[in-house]
PDB file of all heavy atoms in Angstrom:
ATOM      1  N   ALA A   1       0.889  -1.198  -0.035  1.00  0.00           N
ATOM      2  CA  ALA A   1      -0.019  -0.017  -0.007  1.00  0.00           C
ATOM      3  C   ALA A   1       0.870   1.226  -0.008  1.00  0.00           C
ATOM      4  O   ALA A   1       1.990   1.217   0.545  1.00  0.00           O
ATOM      5  CB  ALA A   1      -1.005   0.023   1.221  1.00  0.00           C
ATOM      6  N   ALA A   2       0.358   2.265  -0.693  1.00  0.00           N
ATOM      7  CA  ALA A   2       1.140   3.500  -0.609  1.00  0.00           C
ATOM      8  C   ALA A   2       2.566   3.445  -1.020  1.00  0.00           C
ATOM      9  O   ALA A   2       3.469   4.133  -0.516  1.00  0.00           O
ATOM     10  CB  ALA A   2       1.073   4.235   0.797  1.00  0.00           C
ATOM     11  N   GLY A   3       2.831   2.532  -2.001  1.00  0.00           N
ATOM     12  CA  GLY A   3       4.194   2.394  -2.504  1.00  0.00           C
ATOM     13  C   GLY A   3       5.126   1.585  -1.584  1.00  0.00           C
ATOM     14  O   GLY A   3       6.366   1.636  -1.807  1.00  0.00           O
ATOM     15  N   ARG A   4       4.595   0.962  -0.561  1.00  0.00           N
ATOM     16  CA  ARG A   4       5.440   0.332   0.404  1.00  0.00           C
ATOM     17  C   ARG A   4       5.005  -1.115   0.593  1.00  0.00           C
ATOM     18  O   ARG A   4       3.810  -1.519   0.238  1.00  0.00           O
ATOM     19  CB  ARG A   4       5.399   0.995   1.704  1.00  0.00           C
ATOM     20  CG  ARG A   4       5.975   2.415   1.684  1.00  0.00           C
ATOM     21  CD  ARG A   4       5.843   3.179   3.037  1.00  0.00           C
ATOM     22  NE  ARG A   4       6.377   4.542   2.887  1.00  0.00           N
ATOM     23  CZ  ARG A   4       7.637   4.935   3.090  1.00  0.00           C
ATOM     24  NH1 ARG A   4       8.592   3.901   3.336  1.00  0.00           N
ATOM     25  NH2 ARG A   4       8.086   6.132   2.955  1.00  0.00           N
ATOM     26  N   THR A   5       5.819  -2.028   1.221  1.00  0.00           N
ATOM     27  CA  THR A   5       5.434  -3.387   1.537  1.00  0.00           C
ATOM     28  C   THR A   5       5.727  -3.678   3.005  1.00  0.00           C
ATOM     29  O   THR A   5       6.805  -3.375   3.481  1.00  0.00           O
ATOM     30  CB  THR A   5       6.233  -4.420   0.619  1.00  0.00           C
ATOM     31  OG1 THR A   5       6.006  -4.044  -0.778  1.00  0.00           O
ATOM     32  CG2 THR A   5       5.863  -5.792   0.934  1.00  0.00           C
ATOM     33  N   TRP A   6       4.725  -4.211   3.583  1.00  0.00           N
ATOM     34  CA  TRP A   6       4.861  -4.722   4.988  1.00  0.00           C
ATOM     35  C   TRP A   6       4.853  -6.127   5.025  1.00  0.00           C
ATOM     36  O   TRP A   6       3.969  -6.770   4.499  1.00  0.00           O
ATOM     37  CB  TRP A   6       3.745  -4.113   5.891  1.00  0.00           C
ATOM     38  CG  TRP A   6       3.811  -2.670   6.183  1.00  0.00           C
ATOM     39  CD1 TRP A   6       4.297  -2.054   7.313  1.00  0.00           C
ATOM     40  CD2 TRP A   6       3.230  -1.604   5.383  1.00  0.00           C
ATOM     41  NE1 TRP A   6       4.183  -0.714   7.123  1.00  0.00           N
ATOM     42  CE2 TRP A   6       3.483  -0.358   6.023  1.00  0.00           C
ATOM     43  CE3 TRP A   6       2.604  -1.598   4.094  1.00  0.00           C
ATOM     44  CZ2 TRP A   6       3.119   0.841   5.449  1.00  0.00           C
ATOM     45  CZ3 TRP A   6       2.229  -0.340   3.537  1.00  0.00           C
ATOM     46  CH2 TRP A   6       2.542   0.868   4.224  1.00  0.00           C
ATOM     47  N   VAL A   7       5.835  -6.813   5.784  1.00  0.00           N
ATOM     48  CA  VAL A   7       5.758  -8.222   6.037  1.00  0.00           C
ATOM     49  C   VAL A   7       5.420  -8.400   7.449  1.00  0.00           C
ATOM     50  O   VAL A   7       6.051  -7.800   8.384  1.00  0.00           O
ATOM     51  CB  VAL A   7       7.195  -8.820   5.733  1.00  0.00           C
ATOM     52  CG1 VAL A   7       7.176 -10.352   6.022  1.00  0.00           C
ATOM     53  CG2 VAL A   7       7.577  -8.656   4.235  1.00  0.00           C
ATOM     54  N   LEU A   8       4.345  -9.219   7.692  1.00  0.00           N
ATOM     55  CA  LEU A   8       3.724  -9.247   8.984  1.00  0.00           C
ATOM     56  C   LEU A   8       3.668 -10.588   9.619  1.00  0.00           C
ATOM     57  O   LEU A   8       2.858 -11.448   9.257  1.00  0.00           O
ATOM     58  CB  LEU A   8       2.255  -8.712   8.948  1.00  0.00           C
ATOM     59  CG  LEU A   8       2.036  -7.304   8.177  1.00  0.00           C
ATOM     60  CD1 LEU A   8       0.612  -7.094   7.883  1.00  0.00           C
ATOM     61  CD2 LEU A   8       2.711  -6.261   9.024  1.00  0.00           C
ATOM     62  N   PRO A   9       4.711 -10.974  10.426  1.00  0.00           N
ATOM     63  CA  PRO A   9       4.525 -12.177  11.207  1.00  0.00           C
ATOM     64  C   PRO A   9       3.486 -12.074  12.293  1.00  0.00           C
ATOM     65  O   PRO A   9       2.855 -10.934  12.376  1.00  0.00           O
ATOM     66  CB  PRO A   9       5.930 -12.337  11.975  1.00  0.00           C
ATOM     67  CG  PRO A   9       6.381 -10.862  11.978  1.00  0.00           C
ATOM     68  CD  PRO A   9       5.854 -10.218  10.806  1.00  0.00           C
ATOM     69  N   SER A  10       3.158 -13.047  13.080  1.00  0.00           N
ATOM     70  CA  SER A  10       2.113 -13.077  14.027  1.00  0.00           C
ATOM     71  C   SER A  10       2.266 -12.054  15.108  1.00  0.00           C
ATOM     72  O   SER A  10       1.307 -11.746  15.837  1.00  0.00           O
ATOM     73  CB  SER A  10       1.836 -14.434  14.556  1.00  0.00           C
ATOM     74  OG  SER A  10       2.928 -14.877  15.305  1.00  0.00           O
ATOM     75  N   THR A  11       3.495 -11.531  15.237  1.00  0.00           N
ATOM     76  CA  THR A  11       3.702 -10.433  16.339  1.00  0.00           C
ATOM     77  C   THR A  11       3.206  -9.102  15.992  1.00  0.00           C
ATOM     78  O   THR A  11       3.218  -8.253  16.929  1.00  0.00           O
ATOM     79  CB  THR A  11       5.204 -10.475  16.670  1.00  0.00           C
ATOM     80  OG1 THR A  11       5.950 -10.183  15.421  1.00  0.00           O
ATOM     81  CG2 THR A  11       5.695 -11.777  17.244  1.00  0.00           C
ATOM     82  N   VAL A  12       2.917  -8.941  14.716  1.00  0.00           N
ATOM     83  CA  VAL A  12       2.472  -7.518  14.341  1.00  0.00           C
ATOM     84  C   VAL A  12       1.287  -7.644  13.359  1.00  0.00           C
ATOM     85  O   VAL A  12       0.985  -8.594  12.698  1.00  0.00           O
ATOM     86  CB  VAL A  12       3.640  -6.710  13.662  1.00  0.00           C
ATOM     87  CG1 VAL A  12       4.700  -6.323  14.710  1.00  0.00           C
ATOM     88  CG2 VAL A  12       4.180  -7.471  12.496  1.00  0.00           C
ATOM     89  N   ALA A  13       0.458  -6.510  13.363  1.00  0.00           N
ATOM     90  CA  ALA A  13      -0.663  -6.378  12.431  1.00  0.00           C
ATOM     91  C   ALA A  13      -0.483  -4.963  11.782  1.00  0.00           C
ATOM     92  O   ALA A  13       0.280  -4.165  12.147  1.00  0.00           O
ATOM     93  CB  ALA A  13      -1.960  -6.526  13.199  1.00  0.00           C
ATOM     94  N   LEU A  14      -1.218  -4.831  10.711  1.00  0.00           N
ATOM     95  CA  LEU A  14      -1.190  -3.508  10.020  1.00  0.00           C
ATOM     96  C   LEU A  14      -2.617  -2.919  10.013  1.00  0.00           C
ATOM     97  O   LEU A  14      -3.570  -3.506   9.582  1.00  0.00           O
ATOM     98  CB  LEU A  14      -0.721  -3.703   8.585  1.00  0.00           C
ATOM     99  CG  LEU A  14      -0.470  -2.453   7.812  1.00  0.00           C
ATOM    100  CD1 LEU A  14       0.688  -1.668   8.365  1.00  0.00           C
ATOM    101  CD2 LEU A  14      -0.273  -2.629   6.314  1.00  0.00           C
ATOM    102  N   TRP A  15      -2.678  -1.636  10.455  1.00  0.00           N
ATOM    103  CA  TRP A  15      -3.884  -0.813  10.384  1.00  0.00           C
ATOM    104  C   TRP A  15      -3.937  -0.237   8.964  1.00  0.00           C
ATOM    105  O   TRP A  15      -2.982   0.434   8.576  1.00  0.00           O
ATOM    106  CB  TRP A  15      -3.842   0.281  11.520  1.00  0.00           C
ATOM    107  CG  TRP A  15      -5.083   1.149  11.420  1.00  0.00           C
ATOM    108  CD1 TRP A  15      -5.151   2.324  10.705  1.00  0.00           C
ATOM    109  CD2 TRP A  15      -6.192   0.978  12.176  1.00  0.00           C
ATOM    110  NE1 TRP A  15      -6.354   2.862  10.989  1.00  0.00           N
ATOM    111  CE2 TRP A  15      -7.045   2.116  11.853  1.00  0.00           C
ATOM    112  CE3 TRP A  15      -6.679   0.092  13.040  1.00  0.00           C
ATOM    113  CZ2 TRP A  15      -8.275   2.312  12.361  1.00  0.00           C
ATOM    114  CZ3 TRP A  15      -7.921   0.302  13.621  1.00  0.00           C
ATOM    115  CH2 TRP A  15      -8.700   1.388  13.287  1.00  0.00           C
ATOM    116  N   ILE A  16      -5.035  -0.489   8.273  1.00  0.00           N
ATOM    117  CA  ILE A  16      -5.250   0.099   6.952  1.00  0.00           C
ATOM    118  C   ILE A  16      -6.431   0.993   7.000  1.00  0.00           C
ATOM    119  O   ILE A  16      -7.596   0.480   7.118  1.00  0.00           O
ATOM    120  CB  ILE A  16      -5.387  -1.027   5.884  1.00  0.00           C
ATOM    121  CG1 ILE A  16      -4.215  -1.998   6.007  1.00  0.00           C
ATOM    122  CG2 ILE A  16      -5.516  -0.437   4.452  1.00  0.00           C
ATOM    123  CD1 ILE A  16      -4.471  -3.298   5.159  1.00  0.00           C
ATOM    124  N   PRO A  17      -6.253   2.268   6.876  1.00  0.00           N
ATOM    125  CA  PRO A  17      -7.488   3.168   6.945  1.00  0.00           C
ATOM    126  C   PRO A  17      -8.450   2.930   5.865  1.00  0.00           C
ATOM    127  O   PRO A  17      -8.104   2.488   4.744  1.00  0.00           O
ATOM    128  CB  PRO A  17      -6.826   4.636   6.843  1.00  0.00           C
ATOM    129  CG  PRO A  17      -5.416   4.405   7.221  1.00  0.00           C
ATOM    130  CD  PRO A  17      -5.045   3.061   6.725  1.00  0.00           C
ATOM    131  N   ALA A  18      -9.713   3.232   6.093  1.00  0.00           N
ATOM    132  CA  ALA A  18     -10.776   3.038   5.147  1.00  0.00           C
ATOM    133  C   ALA A  18     -10.417   3.857   3.825  1.00  0.00           C
ATOM    134  O   ALA A  18      -9.914   4.961   3.891  1.00  0.00           O
ATOM    135  CB  ALA A  18     -12.072   3.601   5.699  1.00  0.00           C
ATOM    136  N   GLY A  19     -10.674   3.184   2.746  1.00  0.00           N
ATOM    137  CA  GLY A  19     -10.455   3.881   1.451  1.00  0.00           C
ATOM    138  C   GLY A  19      -9.047   3.807   0.918  1.00  0.00           C
ATOM    139  O   GLY A  19      -8.861   4.262  -0.262  1.00  0.00           O
ATOM    140  N   VAL A  20      -8.102   3.288   1.651  1.00  0.00           N
ATOM    141  CA  VAL A  20      -6.758   3.175   1.123  1.00  0.00           C
ATOM    142  C   VAL A  20      -6.566   1.886   0.293  1.00  0.00           C
ATOM    143  O   VAL A  20      -6.727   0.783   0.754  1.00  0.00           O
ATOM    144  CB  VAL A  20      -5.682   3.061   2.296  1.00  0.00           C
ATOM    145  CG1 VAL A  20      -4.315   2.799   1.764  1.00  0.00           C
ATOM    146  CG2 VAL A  20      -5.697   4.393   3.103  1.00  0.00           C
ATOM    147  N   PRO A  21      -6.197   2.117  -0.997  1.00  0.00           N
ATOM    148  CA  PRO A  21      -6.029   0.916  -1.870  1.00  0.00           C
ATOM    149  C   PRO A  21      -4.799   0.034  -1.387  1.00  0.00           C
ATOM    150  O   PRO A  21      -3.714   0.595  -1.031  1.00  0.00           O
ATOM    151  CB  PRO A  21      -5.690   1.538  -3.265  1.00  0.00           C
ATOM    152  CG  PRO A  21      -6.148   3.011  -3.199  1.00  0.00           C
ATOM    153  CD  PRO A  21      -5.955   3.375  -1.742  1.00  0.00           C
ATOM    154  N   HIS A  22      -4.971  -1.227  -1.413  1.00  0.00           N
ATOM    155  CA  HIS A  22      -3.917  -2.134  -0.957  1.00  0.00           C
ATOM    156  C   HIS A  22      -4.126  -3.497  -1.537  1.00  0.00           C
ATOM    157  O   HIS A  22      -5.235  -3.882  -1.991  1.00  0.00           O
ATOM    158  CB  HIS A  22      -3.904  -2.201   0.560  1.00  0.00           C
ATOM    159  CG  HIS A  22      -5.228  -2.789   1.132  1.00  0.00           C
ATOM    160  ND1 HIS A  22      -6.302  -1.941   1.269  1.00  0.00           N
ATOM    161  CD2 HIS A  22      -5.550  -3.964   1.608  1.00  0.00           C
ATOM    162  CE1 HIS A  22      -7.259  -2.713   1.778  1.00  0.00           C
ATOM    163  NE2 HIS A  22      -6.852  -3.897   1.994  1.00  0.00           N
ATOM    164  N   ALA A  23      -3.047  -4.277  -1.549  1.00  0.00           N
ATOM    165  CA  ALA A  23      -3.098  -5.638  -1.991  1.00  0.00           C
ATOM    166  C   ALA A  23      -2.561  -6.476  -0.845  1.00  0.00           C
ATOM    167  O   ALA A  23      -1.576  -6.074  -0.152  1.00  0.00           O
ATOM    168  CB  ALA A  23      -2.225  -5.879  -3.206  1.00  0.00           C
ATOM    169  N   THR A  24      -3.162  -7.669  -0.578  1.00  0.00           N
ATOM    170  CA  THR A  24      -2.798  -8.463   0.568  1.00  0.00           C
ATOM    171  C   THR A  24      -2.432  -9.848   0.099  1.00  0.00           C
ATOM    172  O   THR A  24      -3.181 -10.443  -0.773  1.00  0.00           O
ATOM    173  CB  THR A  24      -3.888  -8.505   1.597  1.00  0.00           C
ATOM    174  OG1 THR A  24      -4.319  -7.216   1.971  1.00  0.00           O
ATOM    175  CG2 THR A  24      -3.495  -9.273   2.816  1.00  0.00           C
ATOM    176  N   GLY A  25      -1.332 -10.509   0.529  1.00  0.00           N
ATOM    177  CA  GLY A  25      -0.931 -11.807   0.238  1.00  0.00           C
ATOM    178  C   GLY A  25      -0.284 -12.465   1.356  1.00  0.00           C
ATOM    179  O   GLY A  25      -0.131 -12.052   2.458  1.00  0.00           O
ATOM    180  N   ALA A  26       0.183 -13.696   1.046  1.00  0.00           N
ATOM    181  CA  ALA A  26       0.909 -14.521   2.087  1.00  0.00           C
ATOM    182  C   ALA A  26       2.207 -14.987   1.478  1.00  0.00           C
ATOM    183  O   ALA A  26       2.298 -15.497   0.357  1.00  0.00           O
ATOM    184  CB  ALA A  26      -0.017 -15.692   2.478  1.00  0.00           C
ATOM    185  N   THR A  27       3.296 -14.850   2.311  1.00  0.00           N
ATOM    186  CA  THR A  27       4.557 -15.433   1.873  1.00  0.00           C
ATOM    187  C   THR A  27       4.680 -16.916   2.105  1.00  0.00           C
ATOM    188  O   THR A  27       5.492 -17.534   1.552  1.00  0.00           O
ATOM    189  CB  THR A  27       5.705 -14.758   2.590  1.00  0.00           C
ATOM    190  OG1 THR A  27       5.609 -15.045   4.028  1.00  0.00           O
ATOM    191  CG2 THR A  27       5.659 -13.207   2.424  1.00  0.00           C
ATOM    192  N   CYS A  28       3.732 -17.501   2.913  1.00  0.00           N
ATOM    193  CA  CYS A  28       3.593 -18.919   3.106  1.00  0.00           C
ATOM    194  C   CYS A  28       2.145 -19.166   3.494  1.00  0.00           C
ATOM    195  O   CYS A  28       1.474 -18.156   3.709  1.00  0.00           O
ATOM    196  CB  CYS A  28       4.535 -19.427   4.207  1.00  0.00           C
ATOM    197  SG  CYS A  28       4.398 -18.577   5.833  1.00  0.00           S
ATOM    198  N   ALA A  29       1.668 -20.395   3.548  1.00  0.00           N
ATOM    199  CA  ALA A  29       0.342 -20.578   3.852  1.00  0.00           C
ATOM    200  C   ALA A  29       0.008 -19.950   5.194  1.00  0.00           C
ATOM    201  O   ALA A  29       0.726 -20.008   6.193  1.00  0.00           O
ATOM    202  CB  ALA A  29       0.006 -22.081   3.946  1.00  0.00           C
ATOM    203  N   ALA A  30      -1.182 -19.252   5.237  1.00  0.00           N
ATOM    204  CA  ALA A  30      -1.582 -18.438   6.349  1.00  0.00           C
ATOM    205  C   ALA A  30      -2.979 -18.376   6.597  1.00  0.00           C
ATOM    206  O   ALA A  30      -3.804 -18.678   5.696  1.00  0.00           O
ATOM    207  CB  ALA A  30      -1.019 -16.980   6.138  1.00  0.00           C
ATOM    208  N   LEU A  31      -3.370 -18.236   7.906  1.00  0.00           N
ATOM    209  CA  LEU A  31      -4.751 -17.910   8.268  1.00  0.00           C
ATOM    210  C   LEU A  31      -4.693 -16.439   8.501  1.00  0.00           C
ATOM    211  O   LEU A  31      -4.131 -15.874   9.361  1.00  0.00           O
ATOM    212  CB  LEU A  31      -5.163 -18.647   9.489  1.00  0.00           C
ATOM    213  CG  LEU A  31      -6.509 -18.187  10.115  1.00  0.00           C
ATOM    214  CD1 LEU A  31      -7.649 -18.622   9.112  1.00  0.00           C
ATOM    215  CD2 LEU A  31      -6.775 -18.919  11.493  1.00  0.00           C
ATOM    216  N   MET A  32      -5.519 -15.654   7.620  1.00  0.00           N
ATOM    217  CA  MET A  32      -5.694 -14.257   7.808  1.00  0.00           C
ATOM    218  C   MET A  32      -6.967 -13.943   8.650  1.00  0.00           C
ATOM    219  O   MET A  32      -7.966 -14.499   8.434  1.00  0.00           O
ATOM    220  CB  MET A  32      -5.844 -13.630   6.398  1.00  0.00           C
ATOM    221  CG  MET A  32      -5.889 -12.050   6.558  1.00  0.00           C
ATOM    222  SD  MET A  32      -5.899 -11.393   4.932  1.00  0.00           S
ATOM    223  CE  MET A  32      -5.983  -9.547   5.369  1.00  0.00           C
ATOM    224  N   ARG A  33      -6.731 -13.087   9.587  1.00  0.00           N
ATOM    225  CA  ARG A  33      -7.883 -12.653  10.428  1.00  0.00           C
ATOM    226  C   ARG A  33      -7.922 -11.134  10.369  1.00  0.00           C
ATOM    227  O   ARG A  33      -6.947 -10.515  10.852  1.00  0.00           O
ATOM    228  CB  ARG A  33      -7.737 -13.196  11.853  1.00  0.00           C
ATOM    229  CG  ARG A  33      -9.009 -13.018  12.641  1.00  0.00           C
ATOM    230  CD  ARG A  33      -8.996 -14.045  13.839  1.00  0.00           C
ATOM    231  NE  ARG A  33      -9.624 -15.322  13.388  1.00  0.00           N
ATOM    232  CZ  ARG A  33      -9.525 -16.449  14.038  1.00  0.00           C
ATOM    233  NH1 ARG A  33      -8.975 -16.446  15.185  1.00  0.00           N
ATOM    234  NH2 ARG A  33     -10.136 -17.471  13.593  1.00  0.00           N
ATOM    235  N   SER A  34      -8.930 -10.606   9.699  1.00  0.00           N
ATOM    236  CA  SER A  34      -9.008  -9.165   9.600  1.00  0.00           C
ATOM    237  C   SER A  34     -10.130  -8.582  10.413  1.00  0.00           C
ATOM    238  O   SER A  34     -11.211  -9.179  10.523  1.00  0.00           O
ATOM    239  CB  SER A  34      -9.286  -8.852   8.143  1.00  0.00           C
ATOM    240  OG  SER A  34      -8.115  -8.951   7.348  1.00  0.00           O
ATOM    241  N   LEU A  35      -9.819  -7.519  11.170  1.00  0.00           N
ATOM    242  CA  LEU A  35     -10.808  -6.809  11.915  1.00  0.00           C
ATOM    243  C   LEU A  35     -11.162  -5.591  11.108  1.00  0.00           C
ATOM    244  O   LEU A  35     -10.363  -4.887  10.496  1.00  0.00           O
ATOM    245  CB  LEU A  35     -10.312  -6.295  13.251  1.00  0.00           C
ATOM    246  CG  LEU A  35     -10.363  -7.423  14.452  1.00  0.00           C
ATOM    247  CD1 LEU A  35      -9.397  -8.565  14.027  1.00  0.00           C
ATOM    248  CD2 LEU A  35      -9.965  -6.790  15.703  1.00  0.00           C
ATOM    249  N   TYR A  36     -12.586  -5.247  11.019  1.00  0.00           N
ATOM    250  CA  TYR A  36     -13.039  -4.155  10.308  1.00  0.00           C
ATOM    251  C   TYR A  36     -13.797  -3.226  11.344  1.00  0.00           C
ATOM    252  O   TYR A  36     -14.600  -3.673  12.050  1.00  0.00           O
ATOM    253  CB  TYR A  36     -14.044  -4.623   9.240  1.00  0.00           C
ATOM    254  CG  TYR A  36     -13.423  -5.518   8.254  1.00  0.00           C
ATOM    255  CD1 TYR A  36     -13.592  -6.882   8.423  1.00  0.00           C
ATOM    256  CD2 TYR A  36     -12.554  -5.124   7.258  1.00  0.00           C
ATOM    257  CE1 TYR A  36     -12.939  -7.836   7.474  1.00  0.00           C
ATOM    258  CE2 TYR A  36     -11.983  -5.924   6.369  1.00  0.00           C
ATOM    259  CZ  TYR A  36     -12.190  -7.346   6.469  1.00  0.00           C
ATOM    260  OH  TYR A  36     -11.530  -8.160   5.599  1.00  0.00           O
ATOM    261  N   PHE A  37     -13.356  -1.976  11.346  1.00  0.00           N
ATOM    262  CA  PHE A  37     -13.828  -1.016  12.308  1.00  0.00           C
ATOM    263  C   PHE A  37     -14.678   0.070  11.585  1.00  0.00           C
ATOM    264  O   PHE A  37     -14.236   0.710  10.694  1.00  0.00           O
ATOM    265  CB  PHE A  37     -12.632  -0.267  12.977  1.00  0.00           C
ATOM    266  CG  PHE A  37     -11.693  -1.225  13.692  1.00  0.00           C
ATOM    267  CD1 PHE A  37     -10.758  -1.974  13.045  1.00  0.00           C
ATOM    268  CD2 PHE A  37     -11.704  -1.284  15.094  1.00  0.00           C
ATOM    269  CE1 PHE A  37      -9.919  -2.858  13.596  1.00  0.00           C
ATOM    270  CE2 PHE A  37     -10.863  -2.153  15.738  1.00  0.00           C
ATOM    271  CZ  PHE A  37      -9.922  -2.917  14.997  1.00  0.00           C
ATOM    272  N   TRP A  38     -15.918   0.163  11.971  1.00  0.00           N
ATOM    273  CA  TRP A  38     -16.755   1.228  11.447  1.00  0.00           C
ATOM    274  C   TRP A  38     -16.276   2.554  11.776  1.00  0.00           C
ATOM    275  O   TRP A  38     -16.104   2.936  12.920  1.00  0.00           O
ATOM    276  CB  TRP A  38     -18.235   1.078  11.948  1.00  0.00           C
ATOM    277  CG  TRP A  38     -18.734  -0.345  11.628  1.00  0.00           C
ATOM    278  CD1 TRP A  38     -18.947  -1.286  12.689  1.00  0.00           C
ATOM    279  CD2 TRP A  38     -18.992  -0.977  10.511  1.00  0.00           C
ATOM    280  NE1 TRP A  38     -19.331  -2.515  12.112  1.00  0.00           N
ATOM    281  CE2 TRP A  38     -19.405  -2.307  10.682  1.00  0.00           C
ATOM    282  CE3 TRP A  38     -18.951  -0.542   9.144  1.00  0.00           C
ATOM    283  CZ2 TRP A  38     -19.711  -3.215   9.702  1.00  0.00           C
ATOM    284  CZ3 TRP A  38     -19.354  -1.453   8.192  1.00  0.00           C
ATOM    285  CH2 TRP A  38     -19.740  -2.692   8.454  1.00  0.00           C
ATOM    286  N   PRO A  39     -15.981   3.373  10.734  1.00  0.00           N
ATOM    287  CA  PRO A  39     -15.317   4.730  10.976  1.00  0.00           C
ATOM    288  C   PRO A  39     -16.116   5.609  11.982  1.00  0.00           C
ATOM    289  O   PRO A  39     -15.501   6.310  12.745  1.00  0.00           O
ATOM    290  CB  PRO A  39     -15.304   5.345   9.541  1.00  0.00           C
ATOM    291  CG  PRO A  39     -15.103   4.136   8.642  1.00  0.00           C
ATOM    292  CD  PRO A  39     -16.020   3.052   9.313  1.00  0.00           C
TER     293      PRO A  39
END
């Protein structure tokens, strides 16, 4: 997102503001759990 790449092990998460374009993937098989917060 925003011209940058974040690699996220289980010790960290990434807050992505509403409306920000982003792509999400996995470097190895993963269970993704996303929280969505009503603005």
